[in-house]
Protein backbone atom coordinates (compact mmCIF):
# COMPACT_ATOMS: atom_id res chain seq x y z
CA LYS A 1 -22.09 10.18 12.56
CA PHE A 2 -20.73 7.68 10.10
CA GLN A 3 -22.33 9.23 7.38
CA ASN A 4 -20.37 12.50 8.02
CA LEU A 5 -17.25 11.31 8.22
CA ILE A 6 -17.71 9.70 4.79
CA THR A 7 -19.57 12.70 3.24
CA PRO A 8 -16.22 14.44 2.08
CA TYR A 9 -15.54 11.04 -0.56
CA ARG A 10 -18.94 10.66 -2.00
CA ASP A 11 -17.50 10.94 -5.45
CA SER A 12 -14.93 7.61 -4.61
CA LEU A 13 -17.83 5.97 -3.35
CA ASN A 14 -20.87 4.37 -5.79
CA VAL A 15 -22.09 3.06 -2.48
CA LEU A 16 -21.23 2.57 0.72
CA SER A 17 -20.65 -1.14 0.57
CA ASP A 18 -17.87 -0.23 -1.76
CA LEU A 19 -15.79 0.13 1.84
CA TYR A 20 -16.63 -3.14 3.46
CA GLY A 21 -17.49 -5.30 0.42
CA ASP A 22 -20.75 -6.67 -0.91
CA GLY A 23 -20.27 -10.11 1.48
CA TYR A 24 -19.70 -8.56 4.08
CA SER A 25 -22.93 -7.40 6.86
CA GLY A 26 -20.64 -4.04 7.86
CA MET A 27 -17.45 -2.77 9.14
CA SER A 28 -14.85 -4.40 11.34
CA ASP A 29 -13.36 -3.36 14.31
CA LEU A 30 -10.36 -2.63 12.50
CA PHE A 31 -12.49 -0.32 10.24
CA TYR A 32 -12.96 1.98 13.19
CA LEU A 33 -9.77 1.81 14.05
CA LEU A 34 -8.68 3.40 10.54
CA ASN A 35 -11.23 5.42 9.63
CA HIS A 36 -9.84 8.52 11.31
CA ARG A 37 -6.65 8.34 10.12
CA ALA A 38 -7.05 6.79 7.21
CA LEU A 39 -10.62 7.75 5.46
CA HIS A 40 -8.57 10.79 3.72
CA TRP A 41 -7.08 8.33 1.44
CA LEU A 42 -10.52 8.05 -0.49
CA ASP A 43 -9.91 11.69 -1.16
CA ASN A 44 -9.52 12.02 -5.44
CA ASP A 45 -7.45 15.24 -4.55
CA PRO A 46 -3.79 14.29 -4.34
CA THR A 47 -3.20 17.08 -2.02
CA VAL A 48 -5.84 15.59 0.73
CA ALA A 49 -5.08 11.77 -0.23
CA VAL A 50 -1.30 12.13 0.17
CA ARG A 51 0.29 13.80 2.90
CA GLU A 52 3.72 14.93 3.22
CA LYS A 53 3.94 14.90 6.80
CA GLU A 54 2.92 11.06 6.71
CA ILE A 55 5.33 10.35 4.03
CA ARG A 56 7.98 11.41 6.33
CA PHE A 57 6.83 9.71 9.24
CA ARG A 58 7.03 6.61 7.10
CA LYS A 59 10.34 7.15 6.05
CA ARG A 60 11.59 7.19 9.52
CA PHE A 61 9.41 4.31 10.57
CA TYR A 62 10.97 2.12 7.46
CA PRO A 63 13.89 1.41 9.69
CA VAL A 64 12.31 -0.22 12.53
CA LEU A 65 9.90 -2.01 9.76
CA GLN A 66 12.56 -3.64 8.21
CA LYS A 67 14.14 -4.91 11.81
CA ILE A 68 10.47 -6.24 13.02
CA GLY A 69 9.14 -6.97 10.06
CA PRO A 70 11.01 -10.19 8.88
CA GLY A 71 9.94 -11.75 12.33
CA VAL A 72 6.35 -11.09 11.82
CA LEU A 73 6.45 -12.61 8.17
CA ALA A 74 4.66 -16.42 8.33
CA CYS A 75 6.95 -16.96 5.72
CA THR A 76 10.80 -16.26 5.19
CA GLN A 77 11.20 -14.39 1.86
CA VAL A 78 13.11 -15.97 -1.01
CA ILE A 79 14.64 -13.97 -3.82
CA GLU A 80 15.72 -16.00 -6.45
CA ASN A 81 19.27 -15.73 -8.34
CA ARG A 82 18.36 -14.00 -11.30
CA LYS A 83 21.57 -15.56 -13.12
CA ARG A 84 20.19 -19.11 -11.96
CA LEU A 85 16.62 -18.20 -13.79
CA GLU A 86 18.16 -18.16 -17.15
CA ASN A 87 20.80 -20.64 -16.70
CA PRO A 88 20.23 -23.39 -14.05
CA THR A 89 23.54 -24.93 -13.85
CA CYS A 90 24.98 -21.38 -12.79
CA VAL A 91 26.53 -21.17 -9.43
CA GLU A 92 28.11 -17.54 -9.84
CA PRO A 93 26.10 -15.00 -7.17
CA ASP A 94 24.07 -12.63 -8.59
CA GLU A 95 24.64 -8.77 -8.95
CA PRO A 96 22.59 -6.63 -6.92
CA ILE A 97 19.61 -4.41 -8.51
CA ARG A 98 21.31 -0.94 -8.69
CA LEU A 99 18.51 1.55 -8.11
CA PRO A 100 18.49 5.00 -8.44
CA ASN A 101 18.56 7.67 -5.70
CA ARG A 102 15.27 8.96 -6.18
CA PRO A 103 11.47 7.23 -5.79
CA VAL A 104 10.97 4.44 -8.47
CA ILE A 105 7.78 2.19 -9.08
CA PHE A 106 8.10 -1.49 -8.21
CA ALA A 107 5.98 -3.71 -9.91
CA ALA A 108 5.37 -6.72 -7.47
CA ASN A 109 2.49 -9.84 -7.54
CA HIS A 110 0.71 -10.57 -4.41
CA GLY A 111 -1.78 -12.91 -3.29
CA PHE A 112 0.07 -14.52 -0.53
CA HIS A 113 -0.52 -14.14 3.44
CA ASP A 114 2.13 -11.69 3.61
CA ASP A 115 1.97 -9.76 0.99
CA VAL A 116 2.04 -6.27 1.85
CA LEU A 117 4.75 -6.60 4.18
CA ALA A 118 7.07 -8.96 2.28
CA THR A 119 6.52 -6.36 -0.74
CA VAL A 120 7.57 -3.56 0.98
CA LEU A 121 10.34 -5.35 3.24
CA THR A 122 11.57 -6.68 -0.67
CA ALA A 123 11.86 -3.57 -1.90
CA GLY A 124 14.34 -2.10 0.32
CA ARG A 125 13.14 1.20 0.84
CA PRO A 126 10.20 2.97 2.12
CA CYS A 127 7.84 2.63 -0.43
CA TYR A 128 3.81 3.15 -0.71
CA TYR A 129 1.45 0.12 -1.73
CA VAL A 130 -1.37 0.81 -4.39
CA TRP A 131 -4.04 -0.51 -2.99
CA GLY A 132 -7.16 -1.45 -4.93
CA SER A 133 -9.42 -3.29 -2.69
CA LEU A 134 -11.33 -0.96 -0.44
CA PRO A 135 -13.12 -3.58 1.92
CA LEU A 136 -9.43 -5.38 2.32
CA LEU A 137 -7.85 -1.91 3.15
CA TYR A 138 -10.36 -0.97 5.42
CA ASN A 139 -11.52 -4.32 7.35
CA THR A 140 -8.50 -6.58 7.86
CA PHE A 141 -5.26 -6.75 9.17
CA ASP A 142 -3.41 -6.46 6.20
CA GLY A 143 -5.06 -2.96 5.97
CA PHE A 144 -4.14 -2.46 9.33
CA ALA A 145 -0.32 -3.08 8.41
CA THR A 146 -0.58 -1.26 5.16
CA SER A 147 -1.69 2.08 7.42
CA LEU A 148 1.67 1.67 8.60
CA VAL A 149 3.21 1.14 5.25
CA GLY A 150 1.48 3.87 3.78
CA CYS A 151 -0.39 3.47 0.47
CA VAL A 152 -2.30 5.50 -2.18
CA CYS A 153 -5.62 4.05 -2.90
CA VAL A 154 -8.56 3.93 -5.55
CA ASN A 155 -11.67 2.32 -5.42
CA ARG A 156 -11.78 -0.16 -8.36
CA LYS A 157 -15.81 0.17 -9.01
CA ASN A 158 -15.43 4.20 -9.05
CA ALA A 159 -14.38 5.78 -12.49
CA ALA A 160 -13.69 9.09 -10.63
CA SER A 161 -11.11 7.27 -8.08
CA ARG A 162 -9.47 4.99 -11.09
CA LYS A 163 -8.97 8.45 -12.86
CA ALA A 164 -7.52 9.97 -9.70
CA LEU A 165 -4.97 7.59 -8.48
CA VAL A 166 -2.52 8.54 -11.20
CA ALA A 167 -1.97 11.97 -9.94
CA LYS A 168 -2.20 10.28 -6.17
CA ALA A 169 1.14 8.30 -7.06
CA VAL A 170 2.87 11.11 -8.79
CA LYS A 171 1.93 13.54 -5.72
CA ALA A 172 3.97 10.77 -3.48
CA ILE A 173 6.63 10.57 -5.57
CA GLU A 174 6.94 14.30 -5.73
CA TYR A 175 7.39 13.94 -2.15
CA GLY A 176 10.35 11.16 -2.47
CA MET A 177 8.30 8.26 -1.89
CA SER A 178 8.84 5.14 -4.17
CA ILE A 179 5.41 3.34 -5.19
């Protein structure tokens, strides 16, 4: 039955272990929870992988995320005063970042416990995450959280998937979602 589920995405996968990683013995329970709602993210066709209906849901869901998200973070977020970074003795308040009223592409670092949620909360607007690790997307709680936030995913091990990422991100932007 599982083989039938992933058949449409064969061009995005080199081997089945692309989904669950080389060091794992198989899919986690979270994978089975996510496989019906997020396998289409593997599709290299942006009209299949990025759905306007899902973007509308995530835009409506974002205010809820803003309210509950900070209470879920293991560590509170610290946003550094940019002026103080340039001059450590500066006490002048930072000017707010002004973003256009259209989708933007954020570049964020990651590698900490709550990076998915913290990054999206820091953006201050609904945005899709670019996700490059299928095992982490489909087998971890961060992947489950990303299913609520939304993402464009790429199988970094697959050339066709890497090439399709740009078109999927563009499609999300066309639907009004920041990345």
